[in-house]
PDB file of all heavy atoms in Angstrom:
ATOM      1  N   ASN A   1      -1.973 -13.210 -13.013  1.00  0.00           N
ATOM      2  CA  ASN A   1      -1.461 -13.318 -11.641  1.00  0.00           C
ATOM      3  C   ASN A   1      -1.003 -11.968 -11.079  1.00  0.00           C
ATOM      4  O   ASN A   1      -0.596 -11.889  -9.920  1.00  0.00           O
ATOM      5  CB  ASN A   1      -0.284 -14.288 -11.596  1.00  0.00           C
ATOM      6  CG  ASN A   1      -0.695 -15.714 -11.886  1.00  0.00           C
ATOM      7  OD1 ASN A   1      -0.390 -16.251 -12.946  1.00  0.00           O
ATOM      8  ND2 ASN A   1      -1.404 -16.338 -10.950  1.00  0.00           N
ATOM      9  N   LEU A   2      -1.057 -10.939 -11.879  1.00  0.00           N
ATOM     10  CA  LEU A   2      -0.570  -9.629 -11.436  1.00  0.00           C
ATOM     11  C   LEU A   2      -1.712  -8.777 -10.904  1.00  0.00           C
ATOM     12  O   LEU A   2      -2.801  -8.733 -11.498  1.00  0.00           O
ATOM     13  CB  LEU A   2       0.123  -8.906 -12.586  1.00  0.00           C
ATOM     14  CG  LEU A   2       1.309  -9.644 -13.225  1.00  0.00           C
ATOM     15  CD1 LEU A   2       1.913  -8.791 -14.336  1.00  0.00           C
ATOM     16  CD2 LEU A   2       2.358  -9.983 -12.175  1.00  0.00           C
ATOM     17  N   ILE A   3      -1.470  -8.122  -9.808  1.00  0.00           N
ATOM     18  CA  ILE A   3      -2.446  -7.223  -9.187  1.00  0.00           C
ATOM     19  C   ILE A   3      -1.805  -5.844  -9.100  1.00  0.00           C
ATOM     20  O   ILE A   3      -0.813  -5.655  -8.380  1.00  0.00           O
ATOM     21  CB  ILE A   3      -2.848  -7.709  -7.786  1.00  0.00           C
ATOM     22  CG1 ILE A   3      -3.383  -9.148  -7.866  1.00  0.00           C
ATOM     23  CG2 ILE A   3      -3.850  -6.771  -7.156  1.00  0.00           C
ATOM     24  CD1 ILE A   3      -3.584  -9.787  -6.512  1.00  0.00           C
ATOM     25  N   ALA A   4      -2.329  -4.867  -9.819  1.00  0.00           N
ATOM     26  CA  ALA A   4      -1.762  -3.511  -9.860  1.00  0.00           C
ATOM     27  C   ALA A   4      -2.671  -2.549  -9.108  1.00  0.00           C
ATOM     28  O   ALA A   4      -3.866  -2.466  -9.393  1.00  0.00           O
ATOM     29  CB  ALA A   4      -1.581  -3.059 -11.296  1.00  0.00           C
ATOM     30  N   THR A   5      -2.098  -1.834  -8.151  1.00  0.00           N
ATOM     31  CA  THR A   5      -2.858  -0.891  -7.334  1.00  0.00           C
ATOM     32  C   THR A   5      -2.229   0.488  -7.423  1.00  0.00           C
ATOM     33  O   THR A   5      -1.009   0.641  -7.251  1.00  0.00           O
ATOM     34  CB  THR A   5      -2.897  -1.342  -5.862  1.00  0.00           C
ATOM     35  OG1 THR A   5      -3.423  -2.676  -5.801  1.00  0.00           O
ATOM     36  CG2 THR A   5      -3.755  -0.411  -5.035  1.00  0.00           C
ATOM     37  N   VAL A   6      -3.076   1.494  -7.669  1.00  0.00           N
ATOM     38  CA  VAL A   6      -2.610   2.886  -7.721  1.00  0.00           C
ATOM     39  C   VAL A   6      -3.216   3.614  -6.523  1.00  0.00           C
ATOM     40  O   VAL A   6      -4.423   3.837  -6.467  1.00  0.00           O
ATOM     41  CB  VAL A   6      -3.024   3.563  -9.043  1.00  0.00           C
ATOM     42  CG1 VAL A   6      -2.507   5.000  -9.077  1.00  0.00           C
ATOM     43  CG2 VAL A   6      -2.499   2.768 -10.235  1.00  0.00           C
ATOM     44  N   ASP A   7      -2.396   3.982  -5.589  1.00  0.00           N
ATOM     45  CA  ASP A   7      -2.844   4.636  -4.351  1.00  0.00           C
ATOM     46  C   ASP A   7      -2.777   6.154  -4.549  1.00  0.00           C
ATOM     47  O   ASP A   7      -1.700   6.715  -4.815  1.00  0.00           O
ATOM     48  CB  ASP A   7      -1.955   4.207  -3.188  1.00  0.00           C
ATOM     49  CG  ASP A   7      -2.461   4.706  -1.847  1.00  0.00           C
ATOM     50  OD1 ASP A   7      -3.457   5.466  -1.821  1.00  0.00           O
ATOM     51  OD2 ASP A   7      -1.855   4.343  -0.820  1.00  0.00           O
ATOM     52  N   LEU A   8      -3.918   6.834  -4.412  1.00  0.00           N
ATOM     53  CA  LEU A   8      -3.986   8.288  -4.619  1.00  0.00           C
ATOM     54  C   LEU A   8      -3.974   9.073  -3.307  1.00  0.00           C
ATOM     55  O   LEU A   8      -4.374  10.236  -3.274  1.00  0.00           O
ATOM     56  CB  LEU A   8      -5.236   8.631  -5.425  1.00  0.00           C
ATOM     57  CG  LEU A   8      -5.324   8.014  -6.823  1.00  0.00           C
ATOM     58  CD1 LEU A   8      -6.560   8.535  -7.552  1.00  0.00           C
ATOM     59  CD2 LEU A   8      -4.072   8.307  -7.640  1.00  0.00           C
ATOM     60  N   SER A   9      -3.509   8.463  -2.235  1.00  0.00           N
ATOM     61  CA  SER A   9      -3.414   9.187  -0.958  1.00  0.00           C
ATOM     62  C   SER A   9      -2.519  10.414  -1.120  1.00  0.00           C
ATOM     63  O   SER A   9      -1.446  10.354  -1.743  1.00  0.00           O
ATOM     64  CB  SER A   9      -2.834   8.272   0.129  1.00  0.00           C
ATOM     65  OG  SER A   9      -3.680   7.160   0.346  1.00  0.00           O
ATOM     66  N   GLY A  10      -2.962  11.533  -0.542  1.00  0.00           N
ATOM     67  CA  GLY A  10      -2.175  12.757  -0.602  1.00  0.00           C
ATOM     68  C   GLY A  10      -2.260  13.497  -1.910  1.00  0.00           C
ATOM     69  O   GLY A  10      -1.484  14.434  -2.146  1.00  0.00           O
ATOM     70  N   ARG A  11      -3.193  13.126  -2.778  1.00  0.00           N
ATOM     71  CA  ARG A  11      -3.310  13.782  -4.080  1.00  0.00           C
ATOM     72  C   ARG A  11      -4.424  14.820  -4.110  1.00  0.00           C
ATOM     73  O   ARG A  11      -4.883  15.220  -5.182  1.00  0.00           O
ATOM     74  CB  ARG A  11      -3.582  12.727  -5.163  1.00  0.00           C
ATOM     75  CG  ARG A  11      -2.448  11.728  -5.355  1.00  0.00           C
ATOM     76  CD  ARG A  11      -1.254  12.382  -6.011  1.00  0.00           C
ATOM     77  NE  ARG A  11      -0.139  11.447  -6.153  1.00  0.00           N
ATOM     78  CZ  ARG A  11       0.974  11.722  -6.797  1.00  0.00           C
ATOM     79  NH1 ARG A  11       1.121  12.916  -7.366  1.00  0.00           N
ATOM     80  NH2 ARG A  11       1.940  10.847  -6.876  1.00  0.00           N
ATOM     81  N   GLU A  12      -4.861  15.276  -2.928  1.00  0.00           N
ATOM     82  CA  GLU A  12      -5.923  16.278  -2.883  1.00  0.00           C
ATOM     83  C   GLU A  12      -5.512  17.524  -3.673  1.00  0.00           C
ATOM     84  O   GLU A  12      -4.380  17.991  -3.554  1.00  0.00           O
ATOM     85  CB  GLU A  12      -6.234  16.663  -1.429  1.00  0.00           C
ATOM     86  CG  GLU A  12      -6.855  15.553  -0.605  1.00  0.00           C
ATOM     87  CD  GLU A  12      -5.835  14.592  -0.033  1.00  0.00           C
ATOM     88  OE1 GLU A  12      -4.647  14.757  -0.351  1.00  0.00           O
ATOM     89  OE2 GLU A  12      -6.227  13.670   0.716  1.00  0.00           O
ATOM     90  N   GLY A  13      -6.465  18.038  -4.452  1.00  0.00           N
ATOM     91  CA  GLY A  13      -6.212  19.266  -5.198  1.00  0.00           C
ATOM     92  C   GLY A  13      -5.475  19.067  -6.498  1.00  0.00           C
ATOM     93  O   GLY A  13      -5.167  20.049  -7.198  1.00  0.00           O
ATOM     94  N   SER A  14      -5.158  17.799  -6.852  1.00  0.00           N
ATOM     95  CA  SER A  14      -4.435  17.562  -8.112  1.00  0.00           C
ATOM     96  C   SER A  14      -5.355  17.809  -9.307  1.00  0.00           C
ATOM     97  O   SER A  14      -6.526  17.426  -9.294  1.00  0.00           O
ATOM     98  CB  SER A  14      -3.911  16.126  -8.158  1.00  0.00           C
ATOM     99  OG  SER A  14      -2.970  15.911  -7.127  1.00  0.00           O
ATOM    100  N   ILE A  15      -4.831  18.437 -10.324  1.00  0.00           N
ATOM    101  CA  ILE A  15      -5.570  18.725 -11.559  1.00  0.00           C
ATOM    102  C   ILE A  15      -4.678  18.374 -12.740  1.00  0.00           C
ATOM    103  O   ILE A  15      -3.479  18.654 -12.746  1.00  0.00           O
ATOM    104  CB  ILE A  15      -5.994  20.214 -11.642  1.00  0.00           C
ATOM    105  CG1 ILE A  15      -6.915  20.579 -10.476  1.00  0.00           C
ATOM    106  CG2 ILE A  15      -6.660  20.512 -12.980  1.00  0.00           C
ATOM    107  CD1 ILE A  15      -8.248  19.893 -10.501  1.00  0.00           C
ATOM    108  N   GLY A  16      -5.290  17.736 -13.766  1.00  0.00           N
ATOM    109  CA  GLY A  16      -4.545  17.409 -14.960  1.00  0.00           C
ATOM    110  C   GLY A  16      -3.956  16.016 -14.901  1.00  0.00           C
ATOM    111  O   GLY A  16      -4.261  15.206 -14.020  1.00  0.00           O
ATOM    112  N   THR A  17      -3.074  15.718 -15.852  1.00  0.00           N
ATOM    113  CA  THR A  17      -2.468  14.400 -15.969  1.00  0.00           C
ATOM    114  C   THR A  17      -1.166  14.360 -15.180  1.00  0.00           C
ATOM    115  O   THR A  17      -0.266  15.184 -15.413  1.00  0.00           O
ATOM    116  CB  THR A  17      -2.197  14.053 -17.435  1.00  0.00           C
ATOM    117  OG1 THR A  17      -3.429  14.105 -18.169  1.00  0.00           O
ATOM    118  CG2 THR A  17      -1.592  12.661 -17.561  1.00  0.00           C
ATOM    119  N   ILE A  18      -1.067  13.395 -14.258  1.00  0.00           N
ATOM    120  CA  ILE A  18       0.090  13.294 -13.360  1.00  0.00           C
ATOM    121  C   ILE A  18       0.549  11.846 -13.317  1.00  0.00           C
ATOM    122  O   ILE A  18      -0.271  10.936 -13.166  1.00  0.00           O
ATOM    123  CB  ILE A  18      -0.279  13.773 -11.944  1.00  0.00           C
ATOM    124  CG1 ILE A  18      -0.737  15.246 -11.968  1.00  0.00           C
ATOM    125  CG2 ILE A  18       0.909  13.612 -10.998  1.00  0.00           C
ATOM    126  CD1 ILE A  18      -1.243  15.742 -10.646  1.00  0.00           C
ATOM    127  N   PRO A  19       1.869  11.583 -13.437  1.00  0.00           N
ATOM    128  CA  PRO A  19       2.366  10.216 -13.271  1.00  0.00           C
ATOM    129  C   PRO A  19       2.302   9.816 -11.790  1.00  0.00           C
ATOM    130  O   PRO A  19       2.751  10.560 -10.915  1.00  0.00           O
ATOM    131  CB  PRO A  19       3.808  10.285 -13.773  1.00  0.00           C
ATOM    132  CG  PRO A  19       4.200  11.717 -13.658  1.00  0.00           C
ATOM    133  CD  PRO A  19       2.949  12.525 -13.837  1.00  0.00           C
ATOM    134  N   VAL A  20       1.760   8.665 -11.508  1.00  0.00           N
ATOM    135  CA  VAL A  20       1.611   8.180 -10.140  1.00  0.00           C
ATOM    136  C   VAL A  20       2.199   6.783 -10.060  1.00  0.00           C
ATOM    137  O   VAL A  20       2.002   5.947 -10.966  1.00  0.00           O
ATOM    138  CB  VAL A  20       0.122   8.154  -9.717  1.00  0.00           C
ATOM    139  CG1 VAL A  20      -0.005   7.650  -8.284  1.00  0.00           C
ATOM    140  CG2 VAL A  20      -0.497   9.543  -9.856  1.00  0.00           C
ATOM    141  N   GLN A  21       2.935   6.496  -8.980  1.00  0.00           N
ATOM    142  CA  GLN A  21       3.557   5.192  -8.824  1.00  0.00           C
ATOM    143  C   GLN A  21       2.488   4.115  -8.632  1.00  0.00           C
ATOM    144  O   GLN A  21       1.496   4.322  -7.940  1.00  0.00           O
ATOM    145  CB  GLN A  21       4.515   5.192  -7.636  1.00  0.00           C
ATOM    146  CG  GLN A  21       5.349   3.913  -7.536  1.00  0.00           C
ATOM    147  CD  GLN A  21       6.495   4.060  -6.540  1.00  0.00           C
ATOM    148  OE1 GLN A  21       6.846   5.172  -6.171  1.00  0.00           O
ATOM    149  NE2 GLN A  21       7.057   2.944  -6.132  1.00  0.00           N
ATOM    150  N   VAL A  22       2.752   2.940  -9.244  1.00  0.00           N
ATOM    151  CA  VAL A  22       1.823   1.821  -9.155  1.00  0.00           C
ATOM    152  C   VAL A  22       2.514   0.675  -8.437  1.00  0.00           C
ATOM    153  O   VAL A  22       3.716   0.432  -8.631  1.00  0.00           O
ATOM    154  CB  VAL A  22       1.338   1.374 -10.557  1.00  0.00           C
ATOM    155  CG1 VAL A  22       2.516   0.979 -11.428  1.00  0.00           C
ATOM    156  CG2 VAL A  22       0.366   0.213 -10.446  1.00  0.00           C
ATOM    157  N   SER A  23       1.780   0.010  -7.564  1.00  0.00           N
ATOM    158  CA  SER A  23       2.295  -1.142  -6.850  1.00  0.00           C
ATOM    159  C   SER A  23       1.756  -2.410  -7.499  1.00  0.00           C
ATOM    160  O   SER A  23       0.545  -2.596  -7.610  1.00  0.00           O
ATOM    161  CB  SER A  23       1.872  -1.086  -5.375  1.00  0.00           C
ATOM    162  OG  SER A  23       2.263  -2.264  -4.700  1.00  0.00           O
ATOM    163  N   VAL A  24       2.694  -3.293  -7.931  1.00  0.00           N
ATOM    164  CA  VAL A  24       2.302  -4.529  -8.624  1.00  0.00           C
ATOM    165  C   VAL A  24       2.670  -5.713  -7.741  1.00  0.00           C
ATOM    166  O   VAL A  24       3.843  -5.877  -7.364  1.00  0.00           O
ATOM    167  CB  VAL A  24       2.989  -4.648  -9.987  1.00  0.00           C
ATOM    168  CG1 VAL A  24       2.503  -5.910 -10.708  1.00  0.00           C
ATOM    169  CG2 VAL A  24       2.736  -3.406 -10.836  1.00  0.00           C
ATOM    170  N   ALA A  25       1.690  -6.500  -7.397  1.00  0.00           N
ATOM    171  CA  ALA A  25       1.909  -7.688  -6.579  1.00  0.00           C
ATOM    172  C   ALA A  25       1.650  -8.938  -7.412  1.00  0.00           C
ATOM    173  O   ALA A  25       1.025  -8.895  -8.477  1.00  0.00           O
ATOM    174  CB  ALA A  25       0.997  -7.666  -5.361  1.00  0.00           C
ATOM    175  N   VAL A  26       2.173 -10.069  -6.882  1.00  0.00           N
ATOM    176  CA  VAL A  26       2.039 -11.345  -7.584  1.00  0.00           C
ATOM    177  C   VAL A  26       1.136 -12.266  -6.763  1.00  0.00           C
ATOM    178  O   VAL A  26       1.330 -12.412  -5.553  1.00  0.00           O
ATOM    179  CB  VAL A  26       3.417 -12.007  -7.786  1.00  0.00           C
ATOM    180  CG1 VAL A  26       3.249 -13.378  -8.456  1.00  0.00           C
ATOM    181  CG2 VAL A  26       4.316 -11.111  -8.629  1.00  0.00           C
ATOM    182  N   SER A  27       0.178 -12.868  -7.431  1.00  0.00           N
ATOM    183  CA  SER A  27      -0.652 -13.877  -6.775  1.00  0.00           C
ATOM    184  C   SER A  27      -0.294 -15.257  -7.327  1.00  0.00           C
ATOM    185  O   SER A  27       0.222 -15.372  -8.440  1.00  0.00           O
ATOM    186  CB  SER A  27      -2.147 -13.590  -7.022  1.00  0.00           C
ATOM    187  OG  SER A  27      -2.457 -13.738  -8.405  1.00  0.00           O
ATOM    188  N   GLY A  28      -0.536 -16.268  -6.535  1.00  0.00           N
ATOM    189  CA  GLY A  28      -0.258 -17.626  -6.991  1.00  0.00           C
ATOM    190  C   GLY A  28       1.140 -18.089  -6.674  1.00  0.00           C
ATOM    191  O   GLY A  28       1.477 -19.253  -6.933  1.00  0.00           O
ATOM    192  N   SER A  29       2.018 -17.214  -6.111  1.00  0.00           N
ATOM    193  CA  SER A  29       3.378 -17.609  -5.715  1.00  0.00           C
ATOM    194  C   SER A  29       3.817 -16.709  -4.574  1.00  0.00           C
ATOM    195  O   SER A  29       3.857 -15.474  -4.726  1.00  0.00           O
ATOM    196  CB  SER A  29       4.361 -17.485  -6.888  1.00  0.00           C
ATOM    197  OG  SER A  29       5.697 -17.708  -6.435  1.00  0.00           O
ATOM    198  N   ASN A  30       4.122 -17.312  -3.427  1.00  0.00           N
ATOM    199  CA  ASN A  30       4.573 -16.516  -2.280  1.00  0.00           C
ATOM    200  C   ASN A  30       6.089 -16.427  -2.216  1.00  0.00           C
ATOM    201  O   ASN A  30       6.659 -16.029  -1.201  1.00  0.00           O
ATOM    202  CB  ASN A  30       4.020 -17.099  -0.981  1.00  0.00           C
ATOM    203  CG  ASN A  30       4.536 -18.511  -0.706  1.00  0.00           C
ATOM    204  OD1 ASN A  30       5.298 -19.073  -1.492  1.00  0.00           O
ATOM    205  ND2 ASN A  30       4.098 -19.090   0.407  1.00  0.00           N
ATOM    206  N   ARG A  31       6.760 -16.825  -3.331  1.00  0.00           N
ATOM    207  CA  ARG A  31       8.214 -16.713  -3.390  1.00  0.00           C
ATOM    208  C   ARG A  31       8.673 -15.811  -4.546  1.00  0.00           C
ATOM    209  O   ARG A  31       9.863 -15.714  -4.824  1.00  0.00           O
ATOM    210  CB  ARG A  31       8.842 -18.106  -3.555  1.00  0.00           C
ATOM    211  CG  ARG A  31       8.592 -19.047  -2.371  1.00  0.00           C
ATOM    212  CD  ARG A  31       9.278 -20.389  -2.585  1.00  0.00           C
ATOM    213  NE  ARG A  31       8.763 -21.063  -3.796  1.00  0.00           N
ATOM    214  CZ  ARG A  31       9.306 -22.166  -4.310  1.00  0.00           C
ATOM    215  NH1 ARG A  31      10.389 -22.694  -3.749  1.00  0.00           N
ATOM    216  NH2 ARG A  31       8.774 -22.735  -5.385  1.00  0.00           N
ATOM    217  N   SER A  32       7.732 -15.133  -5.199  1.00  0.00           N
ATOM    218  CA  SER A  32       8.053 -14.282  -6.353  1.00  0.00           C
ATOM    219  C   SER A  32       7.712 -12.829  -6.047  1.00  0.00           C
ATOM    220  O   SER A  32       6.877 -12.522  -5.177  1.00  0.00           O
ATOM    221  CB  SER A  32       7.281 -14.761  -7.589  1.00  0.00           C
ATOM    222  OG  SER A  32       7.599 -16.106  -7.893  1.00  0.00           O
ATOM    223  N   TRP A  33       8.307 -11.926  -6.791  1.00  0.00           N
ATOM    224  CA  TRP A  33       8.063 -10.495  -6.621  1.00  0.00           C
ATOM    225  C   TRP A  33       8.287  -9.770  -7.944  1.00  0.00           C
ATOM    226  O   TRP A  33       8.834 -10.340  -8.892  1.00  0.00           O
ATOM    227  CB  TRP A  33       8.957  -9.919  -5.516  1.00  0.00           C
ATOM    228  CG  TRP A  33      10.437  -9.942  -5.841  1.00  0.00           C
ATOM    229  CD1 TRP A  33      11.169  -8.967  -6.412  1.00  0.00           C
ATOM    230  CD2 TRP A  33      11.343 -11.024  -5.614  1.00  0.00           C
ATOM    231  NE1 TRP A  33      12.471  -9.326  -6.553  1.00  0.00           N
ATOM    232  CE2 TRP A  33      12.622 -10.596  -6.062  1.00  0.00           C
ATOM    233  CE3 TRP A  33      11.214 -12.319  -5.072  1.00  0.00           C
ATOM    234  CZ2 TRP A  33      13.749 -11.401  -5.984  1.00  0.00           C
ATOM    235  CZ3 TRP A  33      12.345 -13.122  -4.994  1.00  0.00           C
ATOM    236  CH2 TRP A  33      13.584 -12.673  -5.453  1.00  0.00           C
ATOM    237  N   ILE A  34       7.879  -8.499  -7.990  1.00  0.00           N
ATOM    238  CA  ILE A  34       8.054  -7.673  -9.188  1.00  0.00           C
ATOM    239  C   ILE A  34       9.274  -6.787  -8.985  1.00  0.00           C
ATOM    240  O   ILE A  34       9.384  -6.069  -7.973  1.00  0.00           O
ATOM    241  CB  ILE A  34       6.804  -6.832  -9.470  1.00  0.00           C
ATOM    242  CG1 ILE A  34       5.609  -7.737  -9.720  1.00  0.00           C
ATOM    243  CG2 ILE A  34       7.041  -5.908 -10.664  1.00  0.00           C
ATOM    244  CD1 ILE A  34       5.782  -8.677 -10.908  1.00  0.00           C
ATOM    245  N   TYR A  35      10.186  -6.824  -9.951  1.00  0.00           N
ATOM    246  CA  TYR A  35      11.407  -6.030  -9.877  1.00  0.00           C
ATOM    247  C   TYR A  35      11.197  -4.671 -10.541  1.00  0.00           C
ATOM    248  O   TYR A  35      10.647  -4.579 -11.640  1.00  0.00           O
ATOM    249  CB  TYR A  35      12.543  -6.768 -10.586  1.00  0.00           C
ATOM    250  CG  TYR A  35      13.788  -5.936 -10.766  1.00  0.00           C
ATOM    251  CD1 TYR A  35      14.637  -5.684  -9.692  1.00  0.00           C
ATOM    252  CD2 TYR A  35      14.099  -5.389 -12.008  1.00  0.00           C
ATOM    253  CE1 TYR A  35      15.777  -4.917  -9.852  1.00  0.00           C
ATOM    254  CE2 TYR A  35      15.243  -4.615 -12.184  1.00  0.00           C
ATOM    255  CZ  TYR A  35      16.075  -4.376 -11.094  1.00  0.00           C
ATOM    256  OH  TYR A  35      17.192  -3.609 -11.257  1.00  0.00           O
TER     257      TYR A  35
END
């Protein structure tokens, strides 16, 4: 039920290994969220 998206907007010119924030959404329940 988890959908994880990594948005690389604004990462032009990046080289090497970089930690990037991931957005995790929930499917199957419109009353739940990821803390």
